Structure formats: structure tokens, C-alpha cells
Amino acid sequence: MIVDGLLSRRATGAVAAACYVAAAGLGTAIALARDVRVLWIGLLGIALAFFYHAPPVRLAYRGWGELAVVLVPAIRN
């Protein structure tokens, strides 16, 4: 989207932030309705997704990105 000029860097960040907030809200609602203990799994998933590219961790640049991609679906199951 950024490369093709369809969205600015700022707009892309806003969309990403909105998606994180929506996912966290829906995940929290589902966890509260079912079992609060799964909130830790959701927090781990959000952290892995965020720090895939975000500093200071940058998992993708340190060779840990693939492990994060494998762990997130495994955590959900």
C-alpha cells in the first residue's frame, strides 16, 4: 500500500493501530465470556505481531521472525 502510493506511512500506521485496538477489544470480550486465562495467550500474540518489525526487538531482523510466525497459529490452537 505504501509502495504503490495508495496510503501514506501515517495512514498505514493509523489502520494498523485501529486493527490492533479492534482485535484486542474483541479478544478481551471473547476471553471474558469464556475463560479469562486465555488473555495471556492473546497478549503474547499481540506482542509477537507488534515486535515482528518494531524496535527494539525486531524479531524479523534477528532470525526470530519465522519462529514468531510459527508460534502465533500454534498458540491459537
PDB file of N, CA and C in Angstrom:
ATOM      1  N   MET A   1       0.815  -1.187   0.000  1.00  0.00           N
ATOM      2  CA  MET A   1       0.000   0.000   0.000  1.00  0.00           C
ATOM      3  C   MET A   1       0.866   1.262   0.000  1.00  0.00           C
ATOM      4  N   ILE A   2       1.911   1.244   0.815  1.00  0.00           N
ATOM      5  CA  ILE A   2       2.797   2.405   0.864  1.00  0.00           C
ATOM      6  C   ILE A   2       3.609   2.509  -0.423  1.00  0.00           C
ATOM      7  N   VAL A   3       4.138   1.379  -0.883  1.00  0.00           N
ATOM      8  CA  VAL A   3       4.981   1.367  -2.079  1.00  0.00           C
ATOM      9  C   VAL A   3       4.204   1.840  -3.300  1.00  0.00           C
ATOM     10  N   ASP A   4       2.952   1.438  -3.404  1.00  0.00           N
ATOM     11  CA  ASP A   4       2.119   1.835  -4.541  1.00  0.00           C
ATOM     12  C   ASP A   4       1.543   3.231  -4.390  1.00  0.00           C
ATOM     13  N   GLY A   5       1.770   3.874  -3.265  1.00  0.00           N
ATOM     14  CA  GLY A   5       1.273   5.224  -3.042  1.00  0.00           C
ATOM     15  C   GLY A   5      -0.213   5.297  -2.724  1.00  0.00           C
ATOM     16  N   LEU A   6      -0.800   4.163  -2.356  1.00  0.00           N
ATOM     17  CA  LEU A   6      -2.231   4.150  -2.042  1.00  0.00           C
ATOM     18  C   LEU A   6      -2.517   4.698  -0.643  1.00  0.00           C
ATOM     19  N   LEU A   7      -1.580   4.507   0.259  1.00  0.00           N
ATOM     20  CA  LEU A   7      -1.711   5.037   1.619  1.00  0.00           C
ATOM     21  C   LEU A   7      -0.379   5.643   2.034  1.00  0.00           C
ATOM     22  N   SER A   8      -0.460   6.699   2.812  1.00  0.00           N
ATOM     23  CA  SER A   8       0.769   7.281   3.359  1.00  0.00           C
ATOM     24  C   SER A   8       1.246   6.417   4.523  1.00  0.00           C
ATOM     25  N   ARG A   9       2.455   6.673   4.956  1.00  0.00           N
ATOM     26  CA  ARG A   9       3.006   5.947   6.101  1.00  0.00           C
ATOM     27  C   ARG A   9       2.153   6.190   7.346  1.00  0.00           C
ATOM     28  N   ARG A  10       1.707   7.418   7.514  1.00  0.00           N
ATOM     29  CA  ARG A  10       0.876   7.775   8.669  1.00  0.00           C
ATOM     30  C   ARG A  10      -0.490   7.081   8.619  1.00  0.00           C
ATOM     31  N   ALA A  11      -1.098   7.049   7.425  1.00  0.00           N
ATOM     32  CA  ALA A  11      -2.397   6.391   7.272  1.00  0.00           C
ATOM     33  C   ALA A  11      -2.277   4.887   7.515  1.00  0.00           C
ATOM     34  N   THR A  12      -1.186   4.293   7.046  1.00  0.00           N
ATOM     35  CA  THR A  12      -0.966   2.872   7.269  1.00  0.00           C
ATOM     36  C   THR A  12      -0.815   2.581   8.761  1.00  0.00           C
ATOM     37  N   GLY A  13      -0.097   3.450   9.466  1.00  0.00           N
ATOM     38  CA  GLY A  13       0.037   3.298  10.912  1.00  0.00           C
ATOM     39  C   GLY A  13      -1.304   3.420  11.631  1.00  0.00           C
ATOM     40  N   ALA A  14      -2.137   4.329  11.157  1.00  0.00           N
ATOM     41  CA  ALA A  14      -3.463   4.505  11.766  1.00  0.00           C
ATOM     42  C   ALA A  14      -4.338   3.273  11.543  1.00  0.00           C
ATOM     43  N   VAL A  15      -4.283   2.708  10.360  1.00  0.00           N
ATOM     44  CA  VAL A  15      -5.052   1.489  10.067  1.00  0.00           C
ATOM     45  C   VAL A  15      -4.552   0.337  10.939  1.00  0.00           C
ATOM     46  N   ALA A  16      -3.227   0.208  11.054  1.00  0.00           N
ATOM     47  CA  ALA A  16      -2.659  -0.856  11.885  1.00  0.00           C
ATOM     48  C   ALA A  16      -3.073  -0.681  13.346  1.00  0.00           C
ATOM     49  N   ALA A  17      -3.010   0.539  13.847  1.00  0.00           N
ATOM     50  CA  ALA A  17      -3.402   0.802  15.236  1.00  0.00           C
ATOM     51  C   ALA A  17      -4.877   0.478  15.459  1.00  0.00           C
ATOM     52  N   ALA A  18      -5.721   0.847  14.497  1.00  0.00           N
ATOM     53  CA  ALA A  18      -7.148   0.546  14.614  1.00  0.00           C
ATOM     54  C   ALA A  18      -7.392  -0.964  14.628  1.00  0.00           C
ATOM     55  N   CYS A  19      -6.636  -1.692  13.825  1.00  0.00           N
ATOM     56  CA  CYS A  19      -6.787  -3.154  13.797  1.00  0.00           C
ATOM     57  C   CYS A  19      -6.316  -3.784  15.106  1.00  0.00           C
ATOM     58  N   TYR A  20      -5.217  -3.288  15.669  1.00  0.00           N
ATOM     59  CA  TYR A  20      -4.747  -3.795  16.967  1.00  0.00           C
ATOM     60  C   TYR A  20      -5.796  -3.545  18.049  1.00  0.00           C
ATOM     61  N   VAL A  21      -6.364  -2.340  18.069  1.00  0.00           N
ATOM     62  CA  VAL A  21      -7.378  -2.000  19.076  1.00  0.00           C
ATOM     63  C   VAL A  21      -8.621  -2.867  18.902  1.00  0.00           C
ATOM     64  N   ALA A  22      -9.068  -3.047  17.665  1.00  0.00           N
ATOM     65  CA  ALA A  22     -10.247  -3.882  17.404  1.00  0.00           C
ATOM     66  C   ALA A  22      -9.987  -5.333  17.817  1.00  0.00           C
ATOM     67  N   ALA A  23      -8.826  -5.866  17.458  1.00  0.00           N
ATOM     68  CA  ALA A  23      -8.501  -7.248  17.814  1.00  0.00           C
ATOM     69  C   ALA A  23      -8.396  -7.419  19.323  1.00  0.00           C
ATOM     70  N   ALA A  24      -7.776  -6.466  19.995  1.00  0.00           N
ATOM     71  CA  ALA A  24      -7.655  -6.548  21.444  1.00  0.00           C
ATOM     72  C   ALA A  24      -9.025  -6.465  22.113  1.00  0.00           C
ATOM     73  N   GLY A  25      -9.876  -5.593  21.618  1.00  0.00           N
ATOM     74  CA  GLY A  25     -11.222  -5.479  22.183  1.00  0.00           C
ATOM     75  C   GLY A  25     -12.054  -6.733  21.984  1.00  0.00           C
ATOM     76  N   LEU A  26     -12.040  -7.265  20.782  1.00  0.00           N
ATOM     77  CA  LEU A  26     -12.793  -8.492  20.507  1.00  0.00           C
ATOM     78  C   LEU A  26     -12.220  -9.672  21.280  1.00  0.00           C
ATOM     79  N   GLY A  27     -10.898  -9.775  21.322  1.00  0.00           N
ATOM     80  CA  GLY A  27     -10.274 -10.861  22.070  1.00  0.00           C
ATOM     81  C   GLY A  27     -10.586 -10.791  23.550  1.00  0.00           C
ATOM     82  N   THR A  28     -10.569  -9.595  24.101  1.00  0.00           N
ATOM     83  CA  THR A  28     -10.906  -9.419  25.519  1.00  0.00           C
ATOM     84  C   THR A  28     -12.351  -9.807  25.785  1.00  0.00           C
ATOM     85  N   ALA A  29     -13.252  -9.379  24.918  1.00  0.00           N
ATOM     86  CA  ALA A  29     -14.672  -9.720  25.093  1.00  0.00           C
ATOM     87  C   ALA A  29     -14.884 -11.229  25.041  1.00  0.00           C
ATOM     88  N   ILE A  30     -14.242 -11.882  24.094  1.00  0.00           N
ATOM     89  CA  ILE A  30     -14.378 -13.341  23.985  1.00  0.00           C
ATOM     90  C   ILE A  30     -13.775 -14.025  25.206  1.00  0.00           C
ATOM     91  N   ALA A  31     -12.608 -13.561  25.646  1.00  0.00           N
ATOM     92  CA  ALA A  31     -11.956 -14.163  26.805  1.00  0.00           C
ATOM     93  C   ALA A  31     -12.800 -13.993  28.063  1.00  0.00           C
ATOM     94  N   LEU A  32     -13.377 -12.825  28.247  1.00  0.00           N
ATOM     95  CA  LEU A  32     -14.212 -12.595  29.423  1.00  0.00           C
ATOM     96  C   LEU A  32     -15.472 -13.450  29.392  1.00  0.00           C
ATOM     97  N   ALA A  33     -15.980 -13.709  28.193  1.00  0.00           N
ATOM     98  CA  ALA A  33     -17.178 -14.534  28.066  1.00  0.00           C
ATOM     99  C   ALA A  33     -16.874 -16.020  28.275  1.00  0.00           C
ATOM    100  N   ARG A  34     -15.648 -16.435  27.983  1.00  0.00           N
ATOM    101  CA  ARG A  34     -15.308 -17.856  28.065  1.00  0.00           C
ATOM    102  C   ARG A  34     -14.393 -18.176  29.255  1.00  0.00           C
ATOM    103  N   ASP A  35     -13.145 -17.724  29.177  1.00  0.00           N
ATOM    104  CA  ASP A  35     -12.163 -18.049  30.219  1.00  0.00           C
ATOM    105  C   ASP A  35     -11.078 -16.969  30.225  1.00  0.00           C
ATOM    106  N   VAL A  36     -10.952 -16.285  31.330  1.00  0.00           N
ATOM    107  CA  VAL A  36     -10.034 -15.154  31.445  1.00  0.00           C
ATOM    108  C   VAL A  36      -8.578 -15.581  31.264  1.00  0.00           C
ATOM    109  N   ARG A  37      -8.260 -16.827  31.536  1.00  0.00           N
ATOM    110  CA  ARG A  37      -6.878 -17.295  31.425  1.00  0.00           C
ATOM    111  C   ARG A  37      -6.320 -17.193  30.009  1.00  0.00           C
ATOM    112  N   VAL A  38      -7.161 -17.152  29.005  1.00  0.00           N
ATOM    113  CA  VAL A  38      -6.663 -17.071  27.624  1.00  0.00           C
ATOM    114  C   VAL A  38      -6.195 -15.661  27.269  1.00  0.00           C
ATOM    115  N   LEU A  39      -6.424 -14.694  28.131  1.00  0.00           N
ATOM    116  CA  LEU A  39      -5.925 -13.342  27.862  1.00  0.00           C
ATOM    117  C   LEU A  39      -4.410 -13.319  27.704  1.00  0.00           C
ATOM    118  N   TRP A  40      -3.699 -14.148  28.453  1.00  0.00           N
ATOM    119  CA  TRP A  40      -2.242 -14.211  28.331  1.00  0.00           C
ATOM    120  C   TRP A  40      -1.819 -14.670  26.939  1.00  0.00           C
ATOM    121  N   ILE A  41      -2.580 -15.587  26.374  1.00  0.00           N
ATOM    122  CA  ILE A  41      -2.282 -16.056  25.019  1.00  0.00           C
ATOM    123  C   ILE A  41      -2.483 -14.916  24.023  1.00  0.00           C
ATOM    124  N   GLY A  42      -3.553 -14.158  24.199  1.00  0.00           N
ATOM    125  CA  GLY A  42      -3.810 -13.017  23.329  1.00  0.00           C
ATOM    126  C   GLY A  42      -2.743 -11.952  23.444  1.00  0.00           C
ATOM    127  N   LEU A  43      -2.304 -11.676  24.664  1.00  0.00           N
ATOM    128  CA  LEU A  43      -1.239 -10.692  24.869  1.00  0.00           C
ATOM    129  C   LEU A  43       0.069 -11.137  24.226  1.00  0.00           C
ATOM    130  N   LEU A  44       0.375 -12.405  24.321  1.00  0.00           N
ATOM    131  CA  LEU A  44       1.572 -12.930  23.675  1.00  0.00           C
ATOM    132  C   LEU A  44       1.465 -12.801  22.160  1.00  0.00           C
ATOM    133  N   GLY A  45       0.299 -13.102  21.608  1.00  0.00           N
ATOM    134  CA  GLY A  45       0.086 -12.966  20.170  1.00  0.00           C
ATOM    135  C   GLY A  45       0.230 -11.533  19.697  1.00  0.00           C
ATOM    136  N   ILE A  46      -0.324 -10.595  20.443  1.00  0.00           N
ATOM    137  CA  ILE A  46      -0.206  -9.175  20.089  1.00  0.00           C
ATOM    138  C   ILE A  46       1.253  -8.734  20.171  1.00  0.00           C
ATOM    139  N   ALA A  47       1.953  -9.155  21.213  1.00  0.00           N
ATOM    140  CA  ALA A  47       3.363  -8.782  21.359  1.00  0.00           C
ATOM    141  C   ALA A  47       4.202  -9.337  20.214  1.00  0.00           C
ATOM    142  N   LEU A  48       3.984 -10.591  19.844  1.00  0.00           N
ATOM    143  CA  LEU A  48       4.740 -11.176  18.740  1.00  0.00           C
ATOM    144  C   LEU A  48       4.435 -10.466  17.428  1.00  0.00           C
ATOM    145  N   ALA A  49       3.175 -10.143  17.206  1.00  0.00           N
ATOM    146  CA  ALA A  49       2.808  -9.444  15.970  1.00  0.00           C
ATOM    147  C   ALA A  49       3.421  -8.047  15.929  1.00  0.00           C
ATOM    148  N   PHE A  50       3.376  -7.337  17.040  1.00  0.00           N
ATOM    149  CA  PHE A  50       3.905  -5.974  17.082  1.00  0.00           C
ATOM    150  C   PHE A  50       5.418  -5.958  16.935  1.00  0.00           C
ATOM    151  N   PHE A  51       6.090  -6.802  17.679  1.00  0.00           N
ATOM    152  CA  PHE A  51       7.549  -6.779  17.685  1.00  0.00           C
ATOM    153  C   PHE A  51       8.168  -7.551  16.528  1.00  0.00           C
ATOM    154  N   TYR A  52       7.371  -8.038  15.604  1.00  0.00           N
ATOM    155  CA  TYR A  52       7.913  -8.676  14.414  1.00  0.00           C
ATOM    156  C   TYR A  52       8.813  -7.690  13.665  1.00  0.00           C
ATOM    157  N   HIS A  53       8.376  -6.438  13.542  1.00  0.00           N
ATOM    158  CA  HIS A  53       9.170  -5.400  12.885  1.00  0.00           C
ATOM    159  C   HIS A  53       9.541  -4.237  13.797  1.00  0.00           C
ATOM    160  N   ALA A  54       8.834  -4.066  14.904  1.00  0.00           N
ATOM    161  CA  ALA A  54       9.012  -2.875  15.741  1.00  0.00           C
ATOM    162  C   ALA A  54      10.285  -2.936  16.578  1.00  0.00           C
ATOM    163  N   PRO A  55      10.962  -1.783  16.693  1.00  0.00           N
ATOM    164  CA  PRO A  55      12.118  -1.733  17.581  1.00  0.00           C
ATOM    165  C   PRO A  55      11.655  -1.754  19.037  1.00  0.00           C
ATOM    166  N   PRO A  56      12.432  -2.159  19.963  1.00  0.00           N
ATOM    167  CA  PRO A  56      13.821  -2.560  19.857  1.00  0.00           C
ATOM    168  C   PRO A  56      14.002  -4.044  19.553  1.00  0.00           C
ATOM    169  N   VAL A  57      12.946  -4.840  19.566  1.00  0.00           N
ATOM    170  CA  VAL A  57      13.090  -6.291  19.418  1.00  0.00           C
ATOM    171  C   VAL A  57      13.346  -6.697  17.965  1.00  0.00           C
ATOM    172  N   ARG A  58      12.506  -6.269  17.048  1.00  0.00           N
ATOM    173  CA  ARG A  58      12.641  -6.560  15.613  1.00  0.00           C
ATOM    174  C   ARG A  58      12.955  -8.033  15.346  1.00  0.00           C
ATOM    175  N   LEU A  59      12.017  -8.887  15.675  1.00  0.00           N
ATOM    176  CA  LEU A  59      12.215 -10.322  15.532  1.00  0.00           C
ATOM    177  C   LEU A  59      12.618 -10.726  14.122  1.00  0.00           C
ATOM    178  N   ALA A  60      12.025 -10.104  13.126  1.00  0.00           N
ATOM    179  CA  ALA A  60      12.289 -10.476  11.734  1.00  0.00           C
ATOM    180  C   ALA A  60      13.725 -10.216  11.334  1.00  0.00           C
ATOM    181  N   TYR A  61      14.360  -9.240  11.934  1.00  0.00           N
ATOM    182  CA  TYR A  61      15.727  -8.879  11.570  1.00  0.00           C
ATOM    183  C   TYR A  61      16.774  -9.639  12.370  1.00  0.00           C
ATOM    184  N   ARG A  62      16.358 -10.417  13.339  1.00  0.00           N
ATOM    185  CA  ARG A  62      17.289 -11.150  14.196  1.00  0.00           C
ATOM    186  C   ARG A  62      17.193 -12.662  13.988  1.00  0.00           C
ATOM    187  N   GLY A  63      16.406 -13.077  12.989  1.00  0.00           N
ATOM    188  CA  GLY A  63      16.259 -14.502  12.728  1.00  0.00           C
ATOM    189  C   GLY A  63      15.179 -15.179  13.549  1.00  0.00           C
ATOM    190  N   TRP A  64      14.429 -14.419  14.315  1.00  0.00           N
ATOM    191  CA  TRP A  64      13.363 -14.974  15.162  1.00  0.00           C
ATOM    192  C   TRP A  64      11.974 -14.750  14.572  1.00  0.00           C
ATOM    193  N   GLY A  65      11.887 -14.060  13.459  1.00  0.00           N
ATOM    194  CA  GLY A  65      10.592 -13.766  12.857  1.00  0.00           C
ATOM    195  C   GLY A  65       9.845 -15.013  12.431  1.00  0.00           C
ATOM    196  N   GLU A  66      10.569 -15.980  11.871  1.00  0.00           N
ATOM    197  CA  GLU A  66       9.936 -17.220  11.441  1.00  0.00           C
ATOM    198  C   GLU A  66       9.353 -17.980  12.625  1.00  0.00           C
ATOM    199  N   LEU A  67      10.081 -17.974  13.735  1.00  0.00           N
ATOM    200  CA  LEU A  67       9.574 -18.639  14.938  1.00  0.00           C
ATOM    201  C   LEU A  67       8.294 -17.964  15.425  1.00  0.00           C
ATOM    202  N   ALA A  68       8.244 -16.650  15.369  1.00  0.00           N
ATOM    203  CA  ALA A  68       7.041 -15.926  15.776  1.00  0.00           C
ATOM    204  C   ALA A  68       5.870 -16.285  14.874  1.00  0.00           C
ATOM    205  N   VAL A  69       6.128 -16.394  13.580  1.00  0.00           N
ATOM    206  CA  VAL A  69       5.063 -16.750  12.628  1.00  0.00           C
ATOM    207  C   VAL A  69       4.554 -18.161  12.906  1.00  0.00           C
ATOM    208  N   VAL A  70       5.428 -19.058  13.315  1.00  0.00           N
ATOM    209  CA  VAL A  70       5.020 -20.428  13.645  1.00  0.00           C
ATOM    210  C   VAL A  70       4.261 -20.462  14.969  1.00  0.00           C
ATOM    211  N   LEU A  71       4.706 -19.681  15.950  1.00  0.00           N
ATOM    212  CA  LEU A  71       4.103 -19.724  17.276  1.00  0.00           C
ATOM    213  C   LEU A  71       2.698 -19.154  17.333  1.00  0.00           C
ATOM    214  N   VAL A  72       2.435 -18.101  16.629  1.00  0.00           N
ATOM    215  CA  VAL A  72       1.127 -17.435  16.753  1.00  0.00           C
ATOM    216  C   VAL A  72      -0.020 -18.389  16.379  1.00  0.00           C
ATOM    217  N   PRO A  73       0.004 -19.078  15.224  1.00  0.00           N
ATOM    218  CA  PRO A  73      -1.085 -20.023  14.956  1.00  0.00           C
ATOM    219  C   PRO A  73      -1.092 -21.195  15.933  1.00  0.00           C
ATOM    220  N   ALA A  74       0.090 -21.635  16.384  1.00  0.00           N
ATOM    221  CA  ALA A  74       0.155 -22.746  17.326  1.00  0.00           C
ATOM    222  C   ALA A  74      -0.458 -22.347  18.665  1.00  0.00           C
ATOM    223  N   ILE A  75      -0.290 -21.100  19.055  1.00  0.00           N
ATOM    224  CA  ILE A  75      -0.861 -20.613  20.317  1.00  0.00           C
ATOM    225  C   ILE A  75      -2.383 -20.624  20.243  1.00  0.00           C
ATOM    226  N   ARG A  76      -2.928 -20.251  19.089  1.00  0.00           N
ATOM    227  CA  ARG A  76      -4.382 -20.183  18.941  1.00  0.00           C
ATOM    228  C   ARG A  76      -5.024 -21.549  19.062  1.00  0.00           C
ATOM    229  N   ASN A  77      -4.326 -22.590  18.656  1.00  0.00           N
ATOM    230  CA  ASN A  77      -4.902 -23.941  18.677  1.00  0.00           C
ATOM    231  C   ASN A  77      -4.613 -24.529  20.002  1.00  0.00           C
TER     232      ASN A  77
END
